[in-house]
Amino acid sequence: MKKEKINFEQYFSEVYGERWAQLSTALKNPSKQVIRPNGFVSQPAKTTQKTTDFPFYTSEKNQMVQELSDGLKKYYVMDLASIICAQSLEVGPADFVLDMCAAPGGKSLILFEHLNQGQLWCNELSAARRQKLKNVIREYIPEDQRERIFIKGKDGSRYGLIHPDTFDKILVDAPCSGERHLLHNPKELEKWSPKRTKRLAANQYSLLCSALLACKSGGHIVYSTCSISPQENDEVIKKLLNKKGHAVVLDRPTIHHASVEKTEFGMQILPDQSEHGPIYFSRLLKK
């Protein structure tokens, strides 16, 4: 007897149970973004809504994002969840950092703002997305600072072989199902299947294994996705810890933010609780 195909709603109803109705509604609503000041541009003193750990503005974005200072854009629009994720890598001033899947570049900007002498490699395999990444770097980073940023176009899964034991910090913001985007694109939603999620999870695991090889002993890796599927999130980390536990341990960052929920192997921010996200991230320490 032919097995009945599981559709999107059935799949995530089983994953989230009673929570799914509220989460599904939140995912279908427009994404709520914030305006993050460019750390390389002096900002005027003004009273805004912001947090101590993650500065951002919540006022209307249209006029603010066009403001320039010495030819640089003063603000970058992004999801607050992405800011929290990037900050969790805790980049130090002299670190050698790899952003393995860097486009469009918002997280790269955050990572680079913590470096005053270290280097940042921004990798993006897609040529079109890599060009967008280059544009962001040019629009937000002073020219005299860009000599410490290197744009690469390699297959992320090859980094561990080509550059073993090289980087102090690595962000693996892996390509994922992006269910929120699917819910706003009916044609793409029709292509969704559990098999597709499984294939993505296999690719994500390959990227994470590559990052582990490329990371120095004592270095940190943050793995992240914008997926709501545990198969692409906790299950990827669980697999790595089971197979590579001799070389890596979980190292949860301390984050005091009401929107962050703990999972078995990481943290997540979901829009039914905070209007931000979805995002999943897990921090690992290489032994």
Protein backbone atom coordinates (compact mmCIF):
# COMPACT_ATOMS: atom_id res chain seq x y z
CA MET A 1 0.00 0.00 0.00
CA LYS A 2 1.37 3.39 -0.99
CA LYS A 3 2.30 5.57 1.97
CA GLU A 4 0.26 8.78 2.19
CA LYS A 5 2.30 11.93 1.66
CA ILE A 6 2.69 14.06 4.78
CA ASN A 7 1.99 17.72 4.08
CA PHE A 8 3.52 20.78 5.72
CA GLU A 9 0.70 21.39 8.20
CA GLN A 10 0.56 17.76 9.32
CA TYR A 11 4.31 17.57 9.79
CA PHE A 12 4.64 20.63 12.01
CA SER A 13 1.41 19.92 13.88
CA GLU A 14 3.08 16.70 15.01
CA VAL A 15 6.29 18.55 15.94
CA TYR A 16 4.73 21.44 17.89
CA GLY A 17 1.41 20.00 19.04
CA GLU A 18 -0.99 22.58 20.48
CA ARG A 19 1.55 25.35 19.96
CA TRP A 20 1.45 24.99 16.18
CA ALA A 21 -1.77 26.97 15.62
CA GLN A 22 -0.35 30.08 17.28
CA LEU A 23 3.12 29.61 15.77
CA SER A 24 1.71 29.07 12.28
CA THR A 25 -0.29 32.30 12.51
CA ALA A 26 2.78 34.21 13.71
CA LEU A 27 4.90 32.85 10.86
CA LYS A 28 2.33 34.03 8.31
CA ASN A 29 2.40 37.57 9.68
CA PRO A 30 4.93 40.06 8.27
CA SER A 31 8.38 39.76 9.80
CA LYS A 32 9.10 42.39 12.45
CA GLN A 33 12.57 43.86 11.93
CA VAL A 34 14.66 46.38 13.79
CA ILE A 35 17.16 49.05 12.76
CA ARG A 36 20.69 48.39 13.99
CA PRO A 37 23.13 51.32 14.11
CA ASN A 38 26.34 50.91 12.11
CA GLY A 39 29.14 50.56 14.68
CA PHE A 40 31.59 52.33 12.36
CA VAL A 41 29.49 55.51 12.26
CA SER A 42 29.05 57.89 15.19
CA GLN A 43 25.40 58.07 16.18
CA PRO A 44 23.57 61.18 17.42
CA ALA A 45 22.45 61.17 21.04
CA LYS A 46 18.75 60.40 21.02
CA THR A 47 16.26 58.53 23.13
CA THR A 48 15.25 55.27 21.48
CA GLN A 49 13.93 51.89 22.46
CA LYS A 50 16.95 49.66 22.84
CA THR A 51 18.44 47.00 25.08
CA THR A 52 21.78 47.10 26.89
CA ASP A 53 23.19 43.99 25.24
CA PHE A 54 21.73 44.37 21.76
CA PRO A 55 21.41 48.04 20.69
CA PHE A 56 18.77 48.73 18.06
CA TYR A 57 16.11 51.23 17.08
CA THR A 58 12.45 50.39 16.57
CA SER A 59 11.28 53.61 14.90
CA GLU A 60 10.10 53.80 11.29
CA LYS A 61 12.84 52.54 9.02
CA ASN A 62 12.26 54.14 5.62
CA GLN A 63 14.00 57.45 6.28
CA MET A 64 16.62 56.18 8.74
CA VAL A 65 18.09 53.46 6.52
CA GLN A 66 18.88 56.02 3.80
CA GLU A 67 20.94 58.24 6.12
CA LEU A 68 24.64 58.45 5.30
CA SER A 69 27.71 59.54 7.26
CA ASP A 70 30.98 60.05 5.37
CA GLY A 71 29.53 57.95 2.55
CA LEU A 72 28.56 55.01 4.80
CA LYS A 73 25.05 53.87 5.62
CA LYS A 74 24.22 54.54 9.26
CA TYR A 75 21.66 51.78 9.84
CA TYR A 76 21.09 48.16 8.85
CA VAL A 77 17.62 46.60 8.93
CA MET A 78 17.51 43.03 10.22
CA ASP A 79 15.74 40.63 12.56
CA LEU A 80 16.59 41.10 16.24
CA ALA A 81 16.93 37.31 16.48
CA SER A 82 19.81 37.45 13.98
CA ILE A 83 21.58 40.09 16.08
CA ILE A 84 21.34 37.90 19.18
CA CYS A 85 22.62 34.90 17.23
CA ALA A 86 25.67 36.74 15.84
CA GLN A 87 26.52 38.22 19.24
CA SER A 88 26.51 34.74 20.80
CA LEU A 89 29.79 33.92 19.00
CA GLU A 90 31.47 36.48 21.30
CA VAL A 91 34.17 37.54 18.86
CA GLY A 92 37.34 38.97 20.41
CA PRO A 93 39.36 41.93 19.04
CA ALA A 94 42.21 39.83 17.60
CA ASP A 95 40.25 36.75 16.50
CA PHE A 96 40.53 35.14 13.07
CA VAL A 97 36.87 34.67 12.13
CA LEU A 98 35.06 32.76 9.39
CA ASP A 99 31.47 33.50 8.41
CA MET A 100 30.95 30.33 6.36
CA CYS A 101 27.61 31.21 4.71
CA ALA A 102 27.79 34.98 4.95
CA ALA A 103 25.26 36.56 2.55
CA PRO A 104 23.46 38.89 2.76
CA GLY A 105 25.96 40.24 5.31
CA GLY A 106 24.10 41.55 8.35
CA LYS A 107 25.72 39.07 10.72
CA SER A 108 29.13 39.69 9.11
CA LEU A 109 28.85 43.37 10.02
CA ILE A 110 28.20 42.47 13.64
CA LEU A 111 31.14 40.07 13.76
CA PHE A 112 33.51 42.60 12.19
CA GLU A 113 32.54 45.38 14.59
CA HIS A 114 34.13 43.34 17.39
CA LEU A 115 37.46 43.08 15.54
CA ASN A 116 39.99 45.89 15.83
CA GLN A 117 42.98 43.91 14.58
CA GLY A 118 41.69 40.44 13.66
CA GLN A 119 40.53 39.24 10.26
CA LEU A 120 37.11 38.21 8.96
CA TRP A 121 36.63 35.81 6.06
CA CYS A 122 33.14 36.12 4.57
CA ASN A 123 32.36 33.07 2.46
CA GLU A 124 29.44 32.73 0.05
CA LEU A 125 29.23 30.05 -2.62
CA SER A 126 26.51 31.74 -4.72
CA ALA A 127 27.97 34.36 -7.06
CA ALA A 128 24.79 36.48 -7.00
CA ARG A 129 24.56 36.43 -3.21
CA ARG A 130 28.30 37.04 -2.95
CA GLN A 131 27.89 40.25 -4.96
CA LYS A 132 25.19 41.43 -2.54
CA LEU A 133 27.57 40.64 0.32
CA LYS A 134 30.31 42.74 -1.32
CA ASN A 135 27.87 45.62 -1.68
CA VAL A 136 26.96 45.48 2.02
CA ILE A 137 30.62 45.48 3.05
CA ARG A 138 31.30 48.48 0.81
CA GLU A 139 28.24 50.39 2.05
CA TYR A 140 28.85 49.87 5.79
CA ILE A 141 32.59 49.36 6.41
CA PRO A 142 35.17 52.19 6.13
CA GLU A 143 37.61 51.68 3.27
CA ASP A 144 40.67 51.62 5.53
CA GLN A 145 39.11 48.77 7.54
CA ARG A 146 38.19 46.58 4.57
CA GLU A 147 41.75 45.28 4.19
CA ARG A 148 40.96 42.94 7.10
CA ILE A 149 37.88 41.49 5.37
CA PHE A 150 38.27 38.81 2.72
CA ILE A 151 35.36 37.71 0.50
CA LYS A 152 35.54 34.05 -0.52
CA GLY A 153 33.43 31.89 -2.83
CA LYS A 154 34.30 28.36 -1.72
CA ASP A 155 32.14 25.36 -0.91
CA GLY A 156 31.80 25.61 2.86
CA SER A 157 31.98 21.85 3.26
CA ARG A 158 35.59 21.98 1.95
CA TYR A 159 36.97 24.48 4.47
CA GLY A 160 37.96 21.85 7.00
CA LEU A 161 40.15 20.09 4.44
CA ILE A 162 41.64 23.24 2.92
CA HIS A 163 42.11 25.26 6.13
CA PRO A 164 42.34 22.84 9.10
CA ASP A 165 42.84 24.25 12.63
CA THR A 166 42.81 27.83 11.32
CA PHE A 167 40.00 29.95 12.78
CA ASP A 168 39.32 31.15 16.33
CA LYS A 169 35.60 31.66 15.71
CA ILE A 170 33.28 30.31 13.02
CA LEU A 171 29.66 31.15 12.25
CA VAL A 172 27.79 28.50 10.26
CA ASP A 173 24.51 30.16 9.31
CA ALA A 174 23.53 27.17 7.21
CA PRO A 175 21.12 27.14 4.24
CA CYS A 176 17.84 25.73 5.52
CA SER A 177 14.16 25.17 4.78
CA GLY A 178 13.23 28.72 5.84
CA GLU A 179 9.65 27.79 6.60
CA ARG A 180 8.58 31.38 7.23
CA HIS A 181 9.55 32.27 3.66
CA LEU A 182 7.78 29.16 2.34
CA LEU A 183 4.52 30.22 3.98
CA HIS A 184 4.70 33.48 2.02
CA ASN A 185 5.48 31.71 -1.26
CA PRO A 186 2.80 29.15 -2.24
CA LYS A 187 4.80 27.74 -5.18
CA GLU A 188 7.81 27.02 -2.97
CA LEU A 189 5.58 25.64 -0.24
CA GLU A 190 4.25 23.05 -2.71
CA LYS A 191 7.80 21.75 -3.16
CA TRP A 192 8.26 21.15 0.57
CA SER A 193 8.56 17.57 1.80
CA PRO A 194 10.11 15.72 4.76
CA LYS A 195 12.69 14.36 2.29
CA ARG A 196 13.75 17.89 1.42
CA THR A 197 14.28 18.66 5.10
CA LYS A 198 16.31 15.47 5.44
CA ARG A 199 18.53 16.44 2.49
CA LEU A 200 19.13 19.89 3.93
CA ALA A 201 20.00 18.41 7.32
CA ALA A 202 22.62 16.21 5.66
CA ASN A 203 24.18 19.26 3.99
CA GLN A 204 24.05 21.21 7.25
CA TYR A 205 25.87 18.40 9.04
CA SER A 206 28.59 18.46 6.35
CA LEU A 207 29.06 22.20 6.82
CA LEU A 208 29.25 21.78 10.59
CA CYS A 209 31.82 18.98 10.34
CA SER A 210 33.87 21.18 8.03
CA ALA A 211 33.70 24.02 10.55
CA LEU A 212 34.86 21.69 13.31
CA LEU A 213 37.95 20.73 11.31
CA ALA A 214 38.65 24.37 10.37
CA CYS A 215 38.34 25.63 13.95
CA LYS A 216 41.34 25.86 16.26
CA SER A 217 41.44 23.91 19.50
CA GLY A 218 39.77 26.10 22.11
CA GLY A 219 37.82 27.97 19.43
CA HIS A 220 34.07 28.41 19.16
CA ILE A 221 31.52 27.56 16.47
CA VAL A 222 27.99 28.90 16.32
CA TYR A 223 25.63 26.84 14.16
CA SER A 224 22.40 28.56 13.17
CA THR A 225 19.40 28.27 10.86
CA CYS A 226 16.12 30.11 10.35
CA SER A 227 14.31 26.76 10.26
CA ILE A 228 11.70 25.62 12.76
CA SER A 229 12.43 21.94 12.08
CA PRO A 230 14.24 20.08 14.89
CA GLN A 231 15.71 17.84 12.18
CA GLU A 232 17.68 20.83 10.88
CA ASN A 233 18.48 22.17 14.33
CA ASP A 234 18.90 20.09 17.49
CA GLU A 235 19.19 16.85 15.52
CA VAL A 236 22.19 18.19 13.58
CA ILE A 237 23.95 19.15 16.82
CA LYS A 238 23.01 15.85 18.44
CA LYS A 239 24.51 13.93 15.53
CA LEU A 240 27.74 15.92 15.74
CA LEU A 241 28.07 15.37 19.49
CA ASN A 242 27.37 11.66 19.11
CA LYS A 243 29.90 11.17 16.32
CA LYS A 244 32.52 13.80 17.20
CA GLY A 245 32.13 14.07 20.97
CA HIS A 246 35.83 13.38 21.41
CA ALA A 247 36.56 16.70 19.67
CA VAL A 248 33.71 19.04 20.60
CA VAL A 249 31.39 19.97 23.48
CA LEU A 250 28.27 22.10 23.84
CA ASP A 251 29.04 25.55 25.28
CA ARG A 252 25.84 27.50 25.85
CA PRO A 253 26.27 31.29 25.94
CA THR A 254 24.61 33.27 28.71
CA ILE A 255 21.93 35.40 27.09
CA HIS A 256 19.55 37.50 29.15
CA HIS A 257 16.78 38.14 26.68
CA ALA A 258 13.15 37.24 27.21
CA SER A 259 12.65 36.00 23.65
CA VAL A 260 15.28 33.23 23.89
CA GLU A 261 14.05 29.69 24.59
CA LYS A 262 16.39 26.84 25.47
CA THR A 263 16.22 23.63 23.44
CA GLU A 264 17.98 20.35 24.19
CA PHE A 265 21.18 21.37 22.40
CA GLY A 266 20.77 25.07 21.65
CA MET A 267 18.50 28.09 21.75
CA GLN A 268 15.67 29.37 19.60
CA ILE A 269 13.62 32.50 19.08
CA LEU A 270 10.15 31.94 17.63
CA PRO A 271 7.70 34.65 16.49
CA ASP A 272 4.73 33.40 18.49
CA GLN A 273 6.58 34.46 21.64
CA SER A 274 8.53 37.53 20.56
CA GLU A 275 7.47 38.65 17.04
CA HIS A 276 11.08 37.97 15.97
CA GLY A 277 12.68 34.98 14.30
CA PRO A 278 12.46 32.17 13.75
CA ILE A 279 16.09 31.40 14.46
CA TYR A 280 17.90 28.49 16.04
CA PHE A 281 21.51 28.62 17.22
CA SER A 282 23.90 26.43 19.17
CA ARG A 283 27.40 27.27 20.35
CA LEU A 284 30.12 24.62 20.40
CA LEU A 285 33.65 24.54 21.82
CA LYS A 286 36.36 22.57 20.05
CA LYS A 287 38.48 20.61 22.51
